[in-house]
Protein backbone atom coordinates (compact mmCIF):
# COMPACT_ATOMS: atom_id res chain seq x y z
CA UNK A 1 35.86 -20.50 2.97
CA UNK A 2 33.00 -20.53 5.43
CA UNK A 3 29.34 -19.39 4.00
CA UNK A 4 29.48 -15.82 5.66
CA UNK A 5 33.22 -14.97 3.89
CA UNK A 6 31.77 -16.38 0.69
CA UNK A 7 28.96 -13.83 0.36
CA UNK A 8 31.12 -11.33 2.20
CA UNK A 9 33.07 -11.43 -0.85
CA UNK A 10 30.63 -11.71 -3.52
CA UNK A 11 29.03 -8.49 -2.42
CA UNK A 12 31.96 -6.64 -1.77
CA UNK A 13 32.38 -7.09 -5.75
CA UNK A 14 28.89 -6.44 -6.50
CA UNK A 15 29.37 -3.16 -4.79
CA UNK A 16 32.62 -2.53 -6.93
CA UNK A 17 31.00 -3.53 -9.93
CA UNK A 18 28.20 -0.81 -9.08
CA UNK A 19 30.88 1.88 -8.32
CA UNK A 20 32.91 0.96 -11.54
CA UNK A 21 30.00 0.87 -13.71
CA UNK A 22 26.67 2.44 -12.84
CA UNK A 23 27.53 5.27 -9.85
CA UNK A 24 29.41 5.67 -6.38
CA UNK A 25 25.19 7.02 -5.26
CA UNK A 26 23.93 3.05 -6.16
CA UNK A 27 26.85 1.40 -4.79
CA UNK A 28 26.61 3.20 -1.21
CA UNK A 29 22.30 2.75 -1.67
CA UNK A 30 23.34 -0.86 -1.52
CA UNK A 31 25.56 -1.20 1.32
CA UNK A 32 23.36 1.19 3.14
CA UNK A 33 20.46 -1.63 2.11
CA UNK A 34 22.43 -4.63 3.56
CA UNK A 35 23.01 -2.77 6.40
CA UNK A 36 18.80 -2.14 6.77
CA UNK A 37 18.91 -5.97 5.97
CA UNK A 38 21.02 -7.43 8.33
CA UNK A 39 19.11 -4.79 11.49
CA UNK A 40 15.59 -6.00 10.19
CA UNK A 41 16.82 -9.82 10.55
CA UNK A 42 19.15 -9.84 13.00
CA UNK A 43 17.15 -8.00 15.25
CA UNK A 44 13.66 -10.10 13.55
CA UNK A 45 11.91 -6.14 13.54
CA UNK A 46 8.44 -6.72 12.32
CA UNK A 47 6.40 -4.44 11.79
CA UNK A 48 3.47 -6.97 11.22
CA UNK A 49 4.47 -8.81 14.57
CA UNK A 50 4.54 -5.41 16.57
CA UNK A 51 1.36 -5.02 15.52
CA UNK A 52 -0.15 -7.90 15.56
CA UNK A 53 1.81 -8.45 19.59
CA UNK A 54 -0.36 -5.44 20.94
CA UNK A 55 -3.49 -6.74 19.30
CA UNK A 56 -2.88 -9.90 20.86
CA UNK A 57 -0.71 -9.89 23.37
CA UNK A 58 -1.09 -6.46 24.92
CA UNK A 59 2.57 -6.60 24.44
CA UNK A 60 3.45 -3.17 23.27
CA UNK A 61 7.34 -3.49 23.34
CA UNK A 62 7.15 -3.31 19.03
CA UNK A 63 4.82 -0.66 18.70
CA UNK A 64 7.00 1.62 21.49
CA UNK A 65 10.56 0.47 19.61
CA UNK A 66 8.88 1.73 16.14
CA UNK A 67 7.64 4.99 17.84
CA UNK A 68 10.84 5.52 18.63
CA UNK A 69 12.24 4.46 14.88
CA UNK A 70 9.85 7.41 14.21
CA UNK A 71 11.21 9.86 16.44
CA UNK A 72 14.71 9.75 15.35
CA UNK A 73 13.68 9.34 11.60
CA UNK A 74 12.23 12.19 11.98
CA UNK A 75 14.04 14.82 14.26
CA UNK A 76 16.53 14.31 11.80
CA UNK A 77 14.98 14.21 8.48
CA UNK A 78 11.98 17.21 9.17
CA UNK A 79 15.35 20.11 9.46
CA UNK A 80 17.27 18.65 6.59
CA UNK A 81 14.02 18.87 4.50
CA UNK A 82 13.82 22.88 5.85
CA UNK A 83 17.23 23.23 4.81
CA UNK A 84 17.26 21.48 1.91
CA UNK A 85 14.25 21.79 0.28
CA UNK A 86 15.80 21.43 -3.72
CA UNK A 87 17.92 18.51 -3.45
CA UNK A 88 15.43 16.25 -0.86
CA UNK A 89 11.64 15.27 -0.94
CA UNK A 90 9.84 14.08 0.88
CA UNK A 91 7.55 10.53 1.02
CA UNK A 92 4.12 12.52 -0.22
CA UNK A 93 1.08 10.71 -0.99
CA UNK A 94 -2.31 11.89 -1.83
CA UNK A 95 -5.17 11.17 0.69
CA UNK A 96 -7.69 9.74 -1.88
CA UNK A 97 -10.20 6.76 -1.38
CA UNK A 98 -7.34 4.70 -3.03
CA UNK A 99 -4.85 5.54 0.23
CA UNK A 100 -8.06 4.76 2.48
CA UNK A 101 -9.43 1.18 1.05
CA UNK A 102 -5.46 0.34 -0.04
CA UNK A 103 -4.23 0.45 3.25
CA UNK A 104 -7.09 -0.79 4.75
CA UNK A 105 -6.63 -3.94 2.74
CA UNK A 106 -2.91 -3.93 3.20
CA UNK A 107 -3.24 -3.94 7.32
CA UNK A 108 -5.19 -6.89 6.94
CA UNK A 109 -3.00 -8.17 4.21
CA UNK A 110 0.05 -7.75 6.13
CA UNK A 111 -1.18 -10.18 9.42
CA UNK A 112 -2.12 -13.24 7.26
CA UNK A 113 1.38 -13.13 5.03
CA UNK A 114 2.69 -12.15 7.98
CA UNK A 115 4.72 -9.35 6.67
CA UNK A 116 5.30 -6.04 4.75
CA UNK A 117 6.47 -4.99 1.82
CA UNK A 118 10.23 -4.90 4.02
CA UNK A 119 9.28 -8.10 6.05
CA UNK A 120 8.94 -10.53 2.84
CA UNK A 121 11.60 -8.98 2.10
CA UNK A 122 14.18 -9.89 4.68
CA UNK A 123 12.52 -12.90 5.76
CA UNK A 124 12.77 -14.09 1.96
CA UNK A 125 16.80 -13.28 2.53
CA UNK A 126 16.33 -15.33 5.19
CA UNK A 127 14.52 -18.84 3.44
CA UNK A 128 11.61 -18.62 5.13
CA UNK A 129 9.35 -21.08 2.46
CA UNK A 130 6.15 -18.29 2.42
CA UNK A 131 7.72 -15.15 2.01
CA UNK A 132 10.05 -16.48 -0.56
CA UNK A 133 6.60 -17.39 -2.78
CA UNK A 134 4.88 -13.99 -1.09
CA UNK A 135 7.68 -11.64 -2.89
CA UNK A 136 7.16 -12.88 -6.78
CA UNK A 137 3.32 -12.16 -6.49
CA UNK A 138 3.82 -9.01 -4.38
CA UNK A 139 5.69 -7.42 -7.07
CA UNK A 140 2.70 -9.10 -9.23
CA UNK A 141 -0.14 -7.13 -6.83
CA UNK A 142 2.05 -4.46 -7.45
CA UNK A 143 2.49 -3.83 -10.85
CA UNK A 144 -1.18 -4.48 -11.92
CA UNK A 145 -2.18 -1.52 -8.20
CA UNK A 146 0.25 0.49 -10.46
CA UNK A 147 -2.16 0.16 -14.10
CA UNK A 148 -5.14 0.14 -11.91
CA UNK A 149 -4.30 3.52 -10.42
CA UNK A 150 -5.36 6.39 -12.49
CA UNK A 151 -9.02 4.82 -12.28
CA UNK A 152 -8.55 4.54 -8.21
CA UNK A 153 -7.53 7.84 -7.80
CA UNK A 154 -10.11 8.93 -10.16
CA UNK A 155 -13.15 8.20 -7.33
CA UNK A 156 -11.92 11.36 -5.41
CA UNK A 157 -8.45 12.53 -3.93
CA UNK A 158 -6.64 16.00 -3.12
CA UNK A 159 -3.39 17.14 -3.17
CA UNK A 160 -0.80 15.56 -1.06
CA UNK A 161 0.16 17.50 2.49
CA UNK A 162 3.15 18.20 3.34
CA UNK A 163 3.64 19.65 6.97
CA UNK A 164 6.76 20.95 6.22
CA UNK A 165 5.20 23.03 3.70
CA UNK A 166 2.03 24.61 4.85
CA UNK A 167 3.39 24.96 8.41
CA UNK A 168 7.10 25.13 8.78
CA UNK A 169 9.42 23.36 10.20
CA UNK A 170 8.41 24.28 14.06
CA UNK A 171 5.17 23.30 12.88
CA UNK A 172 5.65 20.08 11.52
CA UNK A 173 8.03 18.89 14.43
CA UNK A 174 5.41 19.94 17.04
CA UNK A 175 2.28 17.93 15.23
CA UNK A 176 4.91 14.79 14.62
CA UNK A 177 5.61 14.43 18.00
CA UNK A 178 2.62 15.36 19.27
CA UNK A 179 1.02 12.55 17.54
CA UNK A 180 3.45 10.06 18.14
CA UNK A 181 2.94 10.45 21.92
CA UNK A 182 -0.98 9.99 21.61
CA UNK A 183 -0.18 6.88 19.73
CA UNK A 184 2.26 6.12 22.40
CA UNK A 185 -0.44 6.45 24.99
CA UNK A 186 -2.82 4.73 23.21
CA UNK A 187 -0.55 1.85 22.80
CA UNK A 188 0.46 2.01 26.71
CA UNK A 189 -3.12 2.19 27.57
CA UNK A 190 -4.12 -0.88 25.00
CA UNK A 191 -1.05 -2.97 27.39
CA UNK A 192 -2.76 -2.01 31.04
CA UNK A 193 -5.54 -3.70 30.05
CA UNK A 194 -3.38 -7.35 30.39
CA UNK A 195 -4.22 -9.51 33.20
CA UNK A 196 -0.27 -9.69 33.57
CA UNK A 197 2.80 -7.81 33.42
CA UNK A 198 3.04 -4.89 30.79
CA UNK A 199 5.70 -5.84 28.40
CA UNK A 200 6.89 -1.83 26.99
CA UNK A 201 10.53 -2.41 25.90
CA UNK A 202 12.16 -4.97 24.51
CA UNK A 203 16.64 -3.99 23.96
CA UNK A 204 17.20 -6.03 20.99
CA UNK A 205 13.88 -4.03 19.55
CA UNK A 206 15.20 -0.87 20.90
CA UNK A 207 18.67 -1.41 19.08
CA UNK A 208 16.93 -2.05 15.45
CA UNK A 209 14.95 1.27 15.76
CA UNK A 210 17.89 3.13 16.66
CA UNK A 211 19.96 1.61 13.61
CA UNK A 212 17.00 1.41 11.48
CA UNK A 213 16.24 5.50 11.89
CA UNK A 214 19.89 5.97 11.22
CA UNK A 215 20.06 3.97 7.96
CA UNK A 216 16.75 5.49 6.80
CA UNK A 217 18.31 8.65 7.08
CA UNK A 218 21.43 7.94 5.11
CA UNK A 219 19.43 6.19 2.63
CA UNK A 220 17.58 9.94 2.44
CA UNK A 221 20.67 11.69 2.15
CA UNK A 222 22.06 9.35 -0.55
CA UNK A 223 19.61 9.17 -2.44
CA UNK A 224 17.51 11.87 -2.16
CA UNK A 225 14.41 10.67 -1.33
CA UNK A 226 12.92 8.71 1.94
CA UNK A 227 13.59 5.12 1.90
CA UNK A 228 10.91 2.97 -0.43
CA UNK A 229 10.14 -0.82 -0.99
CA UNK A 230 7.15 -1.58 -2.56
CA UNK A 231 8.07 0.98 -6.26
CA UNK A 232 11.08 -1.87 -6.50
CA UNK A 233 8.71 -4.76 -6.66
CA UNK A 234 6.33 -3.40 -9.30
CA UNK A 235 9.18 -2.03 -11.31
CA UNK A 236 10.41 -5.50 -11.42
CA UNK A 237 7.10 -6.88 -12.39
CA UNK A 238 6.30 -3.95 -14.73
CA UNK A 239 10.04 -4.57 -16.28
CA UNK A 240 9.03 -8.23 -17.36
CA UNK A 241 5.54 -7.20 -18.89
CA UNK A 242 7.25 -4.63 -20.80
CA UNK A 243 9.65 -7.07 -22.13
CA UNK A 244 6.72 -9.38 -22.94
CA UNK A 245 4.81 -6.43 -24.63
CA UNK A 246 2.46 -7.41 -22.61
CA UNK A 247 1.05 -3.69 -21.67
CA UNK A 248 1.97 -0.48 -23.43
CA UNK A 249 3.56 2.30 -20.76
CA UNK A 250 2.60 5.02 -23.32
CA UNK A 251 -1.21 4.65 -22.44
CA UNK A 252 -1.37 4.48 -18.47
CA UNK A 253 -1.31 6.82 -16.59
CA UNK A 254 1.19 5.60 -14.18
CA UNK A 255 3.92 4.06 -16.21
CA UNK A 256 3.71 7.33 -19.01
CA UNK A 257 4.81 9.53 -16.15
CA UNK A 258 8.73 11.02 -17.11
CA UNK A 259 10.05 9.48 -13.91
CA UNK A 260 8.18 6.14 -14.06
CA UNK A 261 9.03 5.66 -17.84
CA UNK A 262 12.83 6.44 -17.51
CA UNK A 263 12.83 3.71 -15.06
CA UNK A 264 11.12 1.44 -16.93
CA UNK A 265 13.69 2.01 -19.73
CA UNK A 266 16.95 2.37 -18.10
CA UNK A 267 18.78 -0.50 -15.80
CA UNK A 268 17.33 -2.01 -13.03
CA UNK A 269 20.39 -0.89 -11.30
CA UNK A 270 19.65 2.54 -11.54
CA UNK A 271 16.54 2.35 -9.49
CA UNK A 272 17.14 3.15 -6.35
CA UNK A 273 14.53 1.80 -4.72
CA UNK A 274 15.38 -1.70 -6.39
CA UNK A 275 18.91 -1.36 -5.27
CA UNK A 276 18.25 -1.05 -1.65
CA UNK A 277 15.91 -3.59 -1.92
CA UNK A 278 18.39 -6.15 -3.54
CA UNK A 279 21.00 -4.75 -0.36
CA UNK A 280 18.15 -5.61 2.05
CA UNK A 281 18.04 -9.49 0.34
CA UNK A 282 21.93 -9.77 1.00
CA UNK A 283 22.03 -8.49 4.47
CA UNK A 284 19.19 -11.32 5.58
CA UNK A 285 20.75 -13.59 3.59
CA UNK A 286 24.00 -12.92 5.37
CA UNK A 287 22.38 -13.15 8.61
CA UNK A 288 21.17 -16.28 7.25
CA UNK A 289 24.06 -17.38 7.34
CA UNK A 290 25.42 -17.31 10.14
CA UNK A 291 22.23 -18.76 12.27
CA UNK A 292 20.31 -20.57 9.57
CA UNK A 293 17.35 -18.90 11.43
CA UNK A 294 15.03 -19.23 8.36
CA UNK A 295 12.58 -22.54 8.85
CA UNK A 296 9.44 -22.14 9.53
CA UNK A 297 6.51 -24.00 10.57
CA UNK A 298 4.86 -26.11 7.75
CA UNK A 299 1.73 -24.87 6.34
CA UNK A 300 -1.40 -26.97 4.83
CA UNK A 301 -2.61 -26.25 1.17
CA UNK A 302 -5.34 -24.10 2.91
CA UNK A 303 -3.10 -22.22 4.75
CA UNK A 304 -0.33 -21.95 1.44
CA UNK A 305 -3.32 -20.38 -1.15
CA UNK A 306 -4.69 -18.13 1.57
CA UNK A 307 -1.14 -16.75 2.29
CA UNK A 308 0.01 -16.16 -1.48
CA UNK A 309 -3.55 -14.41 -2.25
CA UNK A 310 -2.62 -12.29 1.21
CA UNK A 311 0.96 -11.65 -0.50
CA UNK A 312 -0.66 -10.71 -3.91
CA UNK A 313 -3.53 -8.19 -2.13
CA UNK A 314 -0.07 -7.05 0.17
CA UNK A 315 1.23 -5.88 -3.52
CA UNK A 316 -1.94 -4.24 -4.89
CA UNK A 317 -3.13 -2.31 -1.74
CA UNK A 318 0.39 -0.82 -1.24
CA UNK A 319 0.40 0.69 -4.53
CA UNK A 320 -3.01 1.70 -3.97
CA UNK A 321 -1.63 3.16 -0.39
CA UNK A 322 1.45 5.03 -1.84
CA UNK A 323 3.52 2.48 0.13
CA UNK A 324 3.88 0.01 3.22
CA UNK A 325 4.60 0.77 7.17
CA UNK A 326 8.21 1.63 5.03
CA UNK A 327 7.30 4.32 2.42
CA UNK A 328 4.17 5.23 4.07
CA UNK A 329 4.25 5.04 8.04
CA UNK A 330 8.24 5.67 8.22
CA UNK A 331 8.85 7.63 5.40
CA UNK A 332 5.54 9.14 4.99
CA UNK A 333 5.50 10.64 8.50
CA UNK A 334 9.20 11.11 9.28
CA UNK A 335 8.89 13.47 6.41
CA UNK A 336 6.10 15.11 7.18
CA UNK A 337 3.09 13.47 5.03
CA UNK A 338 -0.30 13.85 6.36
CA UNK A 339 -0.85 10.36 4.39
CA UNK A 340 1.37 9.01 6.28
CA UNK A 341 -0.84 9.16 9.27
CA UNK A 342 -3.92 8.98 7.62
CA UNK A 343 -2.31 5.09 6.52
CA UNK A 344 -1.74 4.33 10.22
CA UNK A 345 -5.11 4.45 11.13
CA UNK A 346 -5.99 2.39 8.39
CA UNK A 347 -4.07 -0.05 8.37
CA UNK A 348 -4.07 -1.10 11.95
CA UNK A 349 -7.85 -0.87 11.24
CA UNK A 350 -6.66 -3.63 8.60
CA UNK A 351 -5.02 -5.50 10.96
CA UNK A 352 -7.40 -5.73 13.38
CA UNK A 353 -9.14 -7.82 11.16
CA UNK A 354 -6.54 -9.26 9.46
CA UNK A 355 -5.53 -11.12 13.34
CA UNK A 356 -8.65 -13.02 13.24
CA UNK A 357 -8.26 -13.79 9.55
CA UNK A 358 -4.55 -15.64 10.32
CA UNK A 359 -6.48 -17.16 13.98
CA UNK A 360 -8.99 -18.45 11.67
CA UNK A 361 -7.16 -20.12 9.23
CA UNK A 362 -4.56 -21.69 12.01
CA UNK A 363 -1.45 -20.12 10.84
């Protein structure tokens, strides 16, 4: 029996376990997660790489693919939110000092660590050593960020702003597509400054963008909430800390919230984000079983240390910023959250810094 067939059988058994002992919804989300992981790994759809290629190579193909993903996801998700406001919820985050600092740091750290939340997941599934090592410190950082989040929000914040609620479906669609077009024009002009031929479209990334958008919407419909990544990381570390009596959730503003307190007490298999994350790892592992493409360049000790520190900062800053490229950018923008647009601006500014730090350490 080859590795791919063996993995497929394991996934089928686990899906059946979820279906029978947990819930139909969780089994479906696991399948969606497998699809997300397979597309991310198969197309090597990297949000981090797309931004870095635009900055360093004037290659806009990755950014254009991300804009297509956002356009499709928003075109379906915004009407769904408008027509089913009680069944579905947007990925809202409060505009705040926490968001500004968190997104800026995340943008820099993701370039150094060569991966955002989803990138860390699928590259860990592909067996890339640095990302495998980063995953647990990412979780630790996310947990500590959640513990400190109350203090950060006290520095200044306003209530979350949802475009569908504020300006209606037509206004939300108009503002969202106007924003995407402006980013697209900016990326096109940036690539135009290149002395060579401009790269605007990559067939593999375009196909990946379409599939990811459809899977993200499917996740939205099944879960009732948008696709997220980093909450699951923080929850895993929080469960370990709680089991070891290392913190008291009742005294913490974040973990004492009813929804978070419940997630901490119940099985991880009942958490919507966690089960999708497990699926992403599984999907990437399935791709790895086919082509063994996870081998990465060897890093020296300094590069390992810098990468691990960046991984920790990824986790901490993503909690302060209310998401990563998936939870804040893809899900935030596609469901009409103002914080998603703020996140993009600040994270791209951070990436401008991060690519220079990455170059300094010869990654």
